[in-house]
N, C-alpha and C. Protein backbone atom coordinates (compact mmCIF):
# COMPACT_ATOMS: atom_id res chain seq x y z
N MET A 1 107.92 74.97 126.62
CA MET A 1 108.56 76.06 125.91
C MET A 1 107.49 77.09 125.51
N GLU A 2 107.76 78.32 125.74
CA GLU A 2 106.82 79.40 125.47
C GLU A 2 107.14 80.02 124.11
N SER A 3 106.12 80.17 123.27
CA SER A 3 106.34 80.79 121.97
C SER A 3 106.35 82.30 122.11
N GLU A 4 106.87 82.97 121.12
CA GLU A 4 106.93 84.44 121.19
C GLU A 4 105.54 85.06 121.03
N TYR A 5 104.60 84.31 120.50
CA TYR A 5 103.25 84.84 120.34
C TYR A 5 102.42 84.75 121.62
N SER A 6 102.84 83.94 122.57
CA SER A 6 102.04 83.78 123.78
C SER A 6 102.03 85.04 124.65
N LYS A 7 102.99 85.93 124.47
CA LYS A 7 103.02 87.16 125.24
C LYS A 7 102.25 88.29 124.58
N VAL A 8 101.84 88.08 123.35
CA VAL A 8 101.16 89.13 122.59
C VAL A 8 99.67 89.08 122.90
N LYS A 9 99.12 90.22 123.27
CA LYS A 9 97.68 90.31 123.50
C LYS A 9 97.05 90.97 122.28
N VAL A 10 96.06 90.31 121.74
CA VAL A 10 95.41 90.82 120.54
C VAL A 10 94.00 91.24 120.91
N ASN A 11 93.65 92.44 120.58
CA ASN A 11 92.31 92.94 120.84
C ASN A 11 91.81 93.55 119.54
N ASN A 12 91.25 92.70 118.69
CA ASN A 12 90.82 93.16 117.39
C ASN A 12 89.31 93.10 117.20
N GLU A 13 88.56 93.11 118.30
CA GLU A 13 87.11 93.13 118.19
C GLU A 13 86.63 94.56 118.00
N MET A 14 85.52 94.69 117.29
CA MET A 14 84.91 95.99 117.12
C MET A 14 83.41 95.87 117.24
N ASP A 15 82.79 96.93 117.75
CA ASP A 15 81.33 97.00 117.81
C ASP A 15 80.87 97.36 116.41
N PHE A 16 80.24 96.42 115.74
CA PHE A 16 79.87 96.61 114.34
C PHE A 16 78.53 97.32 114.20
N CYS A 17 77.50 96.80 114.86
CA CYS A 17 76.18 97.41 114.76
C CYS A 17 75.36 97.03 115.97
N SER A 18 74.22 97.70 116.14
CA SER A 18 73.31 97.35 117.22
C SER A 18 71.89 97.28 116.68
N VAL A 19 71.08 96.44 117.30
CA VAL A 19 69.68 96.27 116.93
C VAL A 19 68.84 96.24 118.18
N THR A 20 67.56 96.56 118.04
CA THR A 20 66.64 96.44 119.17
C THR A 20 65.51 95.45 118.86
N ASP A 21 65.35 95.10 117.60
CA ASP A 21 64.29 94.19 117.17
C ASP A 21 64.83 92.75 117.15
N ILE A 22 64.14 91.85 117.83
CA ILE A 22 64.57 90.45 117.94
C ILE A 22 64.55 89.76 116.57
N ASP A 23 63.58 90.09 115.72
CA ASP A 23 63.51 89.47 114.39
C ASP A 23 64.71 89.87 113.53
N VAL A 24 65.12 91.13 113.61
CA VAL A 24 66.28 91.60 112.86
C VAL A 24 67.54 90.93 113.41
N LYS A 25 67.61 90.78 114.73
CA LYS A 25 68.74 90.09 115.36
C LYS A 25 68.87 88.67 114.82
N ALA A 26 67.75 87.96 114.77
CA ALA A 26 67.76 86.57 114.30
C ALA A 26 68.17 86.49 112.82
N ALA A 27 67.67 87.41 112.01
CA ALA A 27 68.03 87.41 110.58
C ALA A 27 69.51 87.71 110.39
N LEU A 28 70.03 88.67 111.16
CA LEU A 28 71.44 89.02 111.05
C LEU A 28 72.33 87.87 111.53
N GLU A 29 71.94 87.22 112.62
CA GLU A 29 72.70 86.06 113.10
C GLU A 29 72.76 84.96 112.04
N LYS A 30 71.63 84.68 111.44
CA LYS A 30 71.56 83.64 110.41
C LYS A 30 72.45 84.01 109.21
N ALA A 31 72.41 85.28 108.80
CA ALA A 31 73.21 85.72 107.67
C ALA A 31 74.70 85.69 108.00
N PHE A 32 75.08 86.08 109.22
CA PHE A 32 76.48 86.02 109.64
C PHE A 32 76.97 84.57 109.66
N MET A 33 76.15 83.65 110.17
CA MET A 33 76.56 82.25 110.20
C MET A 33 76.74 81.70 108.80
N LYS A 34 75.84 82.06 107.89
CA LYS A 34 75.92 81.58 106.51
C LYS A 34 77.19 82.10 105.83
N ALA A 35 77.57 83.35 106.13
CA ALA A 35 78.77 83.96 105.53
C ALA A 35 80.03 83.66 106.33
N ARG A 36 79.89 82.91 107.43
CA ARG A 36 81.01 82.54 108.30
C ARG A 36 81.70 83.75 108.92
N VAL A 37 80.90 84.70 109.36
CA VAL A 37 81.41 85.87 110.07
C VAL A 37 81.37 85.55 111.56
N SER A 38 82.52 85.62 112.20
CA SER A 38 82.61 85.36 113.63
C SER A 38 82.10 86.59 114.39
N TYR A 39 81.23 86.36 115.36
CA TYR A 39 80.63 87.47 116.12
C TYR A 39 80.30 87.02 117.53
N PHE A 40 80.08 88.00 118.39
CA PHE A 40 79.47 87.72 119.68
C PHE A 40 78.52 88.88 119.99
N LEU A 41 77.59 88.61 120.89
CA LEU A 41 76.55 89.59 121.21
C LEU A 41 76.78 90.18 122.59
N ARG A 42 76.54 91.47 122.70
CA ARG A 42 76.57 92.15 124.00
C ARG A 42 75.23 92.86 124.17
N TRP A 43 74.54 92.54 125.23
CA TRP A 43 73.24 93.14 125.51
C TRP A 43 73.45 94.38 126.37
N GLU A 44 72.85 95.48 125.95
CA GLU A 44 72.95 96.72 126.71
C GLU A 44 71.56 97.15 127.13
N LYS A 45 71.35 97.19 128.43
CA LYS A 45 70.05 97.60 128.96
C LYS A 45 70.00 99.12 129.05
N PRO A 46 68.86 99.71 128.71
CA PRO A 46 68.75 101.17 128.84
C PRO A 46 68.70 101.56 130.31
N GLY A 47 69.11 102.77 130.59
CA GLY A 47 69.07 103.27 131.96
C GLY A 47 67.64 103.45 132.44
N PHE A 48 67.50 103.68 133.72
CA PHE A 48 66.19 103.81 134.34
C PHE A 48 65.36 104.92 133.70
N PHE A 49 65.95 106.10 133.54
CA PHE A 49 65.20 107.23 133.00
C PHE A 49 64.89 107.06 131.52
N ALA A 50 65.78 106.41 130.78
CA ALA A 50 65.51 106.15 129.36
C ALA A 50 64.31 105.23 129.22
N LYS A 51 64.22 104.21 130.07
CA LYS A 51 63.08 103.31 130.04
C LYS A 51 61.80 104.03 130.46
N LEU A 52 61.92 104.85 131.47
CA LEU A 52 60.77 105.53 132.05
C LEU A 52 60.14 106.53 131.08
N PHE A 53 60.98 107.35 130.45
CA PHE A 53 60.46 108.44 129.63
C PHE A 53 60.32 108.11 128.14
N SER A 54 61.14 107.23 127.62
CA SER A 54 61.04 106.97 126.19
C SER A 54 60.67 105.53 125.86
N GLY A 55 60.57 104.69 126.86
CA GLY A 55 60.20 103.29 126.62
C GLY A 55 61.25 102.54 125.82
N SER A 56 62.52 102.88 126.02
CA SER A 56 63.61 102.25 125.28
C SER A 56 63.68 100.76 125.56
N LYS A 57 64.02 100.01 124.51
CA LYS A 57 64.23 98.57 124.63
C LYS A 57 65.73 98.31 124.78
N PRO A 58 66.06 97.12 125.27
CA PRO A 58 67.49 96.77 125.32
C PRO A 58 68.04 96.70 123.89
N SER A 59 69.29 97.12 123.72
CA SER A 59 69.91 97.00 122.41
C SER A 59 70.91 95.85 122.44
N ILE A 60 71.07 95.22 121.30
CA ILE A 60 71.96 94.09 121.15
C ILE A 60 73.08 94.53 120.22
N VAL A 61 74.31 94.52 120.71
CA VAL A 61 75.46 94.97 119.93
C VAL A 61 76.15 93.74 119.35
N PHE A 62 76.32 93.74 118.02
CA PHE A 62 77.07 92.70 117.34
C PHE A 62 78.53 93.12 117.30
N CYS A 63 79.40 92.34 117.92
CA CYS A 63 80.83 92.60 117.91
C CYS A 63 81.48 91.57 116.98
N ILE A 64 82.33 92.06 116.08
CA ILE A 64 82.97 91.18 115.11
C ILE A 64 84.48 91.40 115.13
N ASN A 65 85.19 90.50 114.49
CA ASN A 65 86.62 90.65 114.30
C ASN A 65 86.84 91.70 113.22
N SER A 66 87.73 92.64 113.46
CA SER A 66 87.94 93.74 112.51
C SER A 66 88.44 93.26 111.15
N ALA A 67 89.00 92.06 111.07
CA ALA A 67 89.45 91.52 109.79
C ALA A 67 88.28 91.10 108.90
N GLN A 68 87.09 90.96 109.47
CA GLN A 68 85.93 90.52 108.72
C GLN A 68 84.94 91.64 108.42
N ILE A 69 85.35 92.88 108.53
CA ILE A 69 84.42 93.99 108.37
C ILE A 69 83.84 94.07 106.96
N GLU A 70 84.64 93.80 105.95
CA GLU A 70 84.14 93.87 104.58
C GLU A 70 83.06 92.82 104.32
N THR A 71 83.30 91.61 104.81
CA THR A 71 82.31 90.54 104.67
C THR A 71 81.04 90.89 105.42
N ALA A 72 81.18 91.43 106.63
CA ALA A 72 80.02 91.80 107.44
C ALA A 72 79.21 92.90 106.76
N GLU A 73 79.88 93.86 106.14
CA GLU A 73 79.15 94.93 105.44
C GLU A 73 78.38 94.38 104.24
N GLU A 74 78.94 93.39 103.54
CA GLU A 74 78.22 92.75 102.44
C GLU A 74 76.99 92.02 102.96
N VAL A 75 77.13 91.38 104.11
CA VAL A 75 76.00 90.67 104.72
C VAL A 75 74.88 91.65 105.05
N VAL A 76 75.23 92.80 105.62
CA VAL A 76 74.23 93.80 105.98
C VAL A 76 73.51 94.31 104.72
N LYS A 77 74.25 94.55 103.65
CA LYS A 77 73.64 95.01 102.40
C LYS A 77 72.68 93.97 101.83
N SER A 78 72.99 92.69 102.05
CA SER A 78 72.14 91.62 101.53
C SER A 78 70.82 91.49 102.30
N LEU A 79 70.71 92.14 103.47
CA LEU A 79 69.48 92.05 104.25
C LEU A 79 68.35 92.88 103.67
N GLY A 80 68.67 93.79 102.77
CA GLY A 80 67.64 94.60 102.13
C GLY A 80 67.01 95.60 103.06
N GLU A 81 65.68 95.56 103.19
CA GLU A 81 64.95 96.55 103.98
C GLU A 81 65.25 96.47 105.47
N MET A 82 65.74 95.34 105.96
CA MET A 82 66.08 95.22 107.38
C MET A 82 67.29 96.07 107.74
N GLU A 83 68.07 96.46 106.75
CA GLU A 83 69.26 97.27 106.98
C GLU A 83 68.90 98.58 107.68
N ALA A 84 67.71 99.09 107.44
CA ALA A 84 67.27 100.34 108.07
C ALA A 84 67.08 100.18 109.58
N ASP A 85 66.86 98.96 110.06
CA ASP A 85 66.65 98.72 111.49
C ASP A 85 67.96 98.56 112.26
N LEU A 86 69.09 98.60 111.56
CA LEU A 86 70.39 98.48 112.20
C LEU A 86 70.98 99.84 112.46
N LYS A 87 71.64 99.98 113.59
CA LYS A 87 72.40 101.20 113.87
C LYS A 87 73.87 100.82 113.73
N MET A 88 74.51 101.34 112.71
CA MET A 88 75.90 101.00 112.45
C MET A 88 76.80 101.75 113.43
N LEU A 89 77.73 101.02 114.06
CA LEU A 89 78.62 101.61 115.05
C LEU A 89 80.06 101.71 114.54
N ARG A 90 80.62 100.58 114.14
CA ARG A 90 81.99 100.49 113.62
C ARG A 90 83.01 101.18 114.53
N THR A 91 82.98 100.86 115.79
CA THR A 91 83.92 101.45 116.75
C THR A 91 84.71 100.35 117.45
N LYS A 92 85.83 100.72 118.01
CA LYS A 92 86.65 99.78 118.76
C LYS A 92 85.87 99.30 119.97
N SER A 93 85.89 98.00 120.19
CA SER A 93 85.13 97.42 121.28
C SER A 93 85.85 97.62 122.61
N ASN A 94 85.08 97.90 123.66
CA ASN A 94 85.64 98.07 125.00
C ASN A 94 85.40 96.84 125.86
N ASN A 95 85.42 95.69 125.26
CA ASN A 95 85.20 94.45 126.01
C ASN A 95 86.46 94.09 126.76
N ARG A 96 86.36 94.06 128.06
CA ARG A 96 87.51 93.72 128.89
C ARG A 96 87.17 92.49 129.70
N VAL A 97 88.12 91.61 129.77
CA VAL A 97 87.96 90.42 130.58
C VAL A 97 88.80 90.61 131.84
N GLY A 98 88.16 90.54 132.98
CA GLY A 98 88.89 90.72 134.23
C GLY A 98 89.32 89.40 134.82
N PHE A 99 90.58 89.25 135.06
CA PHE A 99 91.10 88.03 135.68
C PHE A 99 91.66 88.36 137.04
């Protein structure tokens, strides 16, 4: 028997912030786990010319459930000086799963 919710597709992920520093990434991951914020990481590599001319590093985008945005913002504030190393995005995530 199929429930009425099985036909509903929910896409409530959002790109919360991005980081380029591995130490900041590790600290944010630890803080999210402690606060029980569900997240996943998306790695974005810079384009060829961005790497060539500006030496850009890959950025790591933290995607969270939009229902946990308030908790995630409190976690970011608790990081103190590391907060300056985060680029806040707060946009709808374009993560698509192809089947």
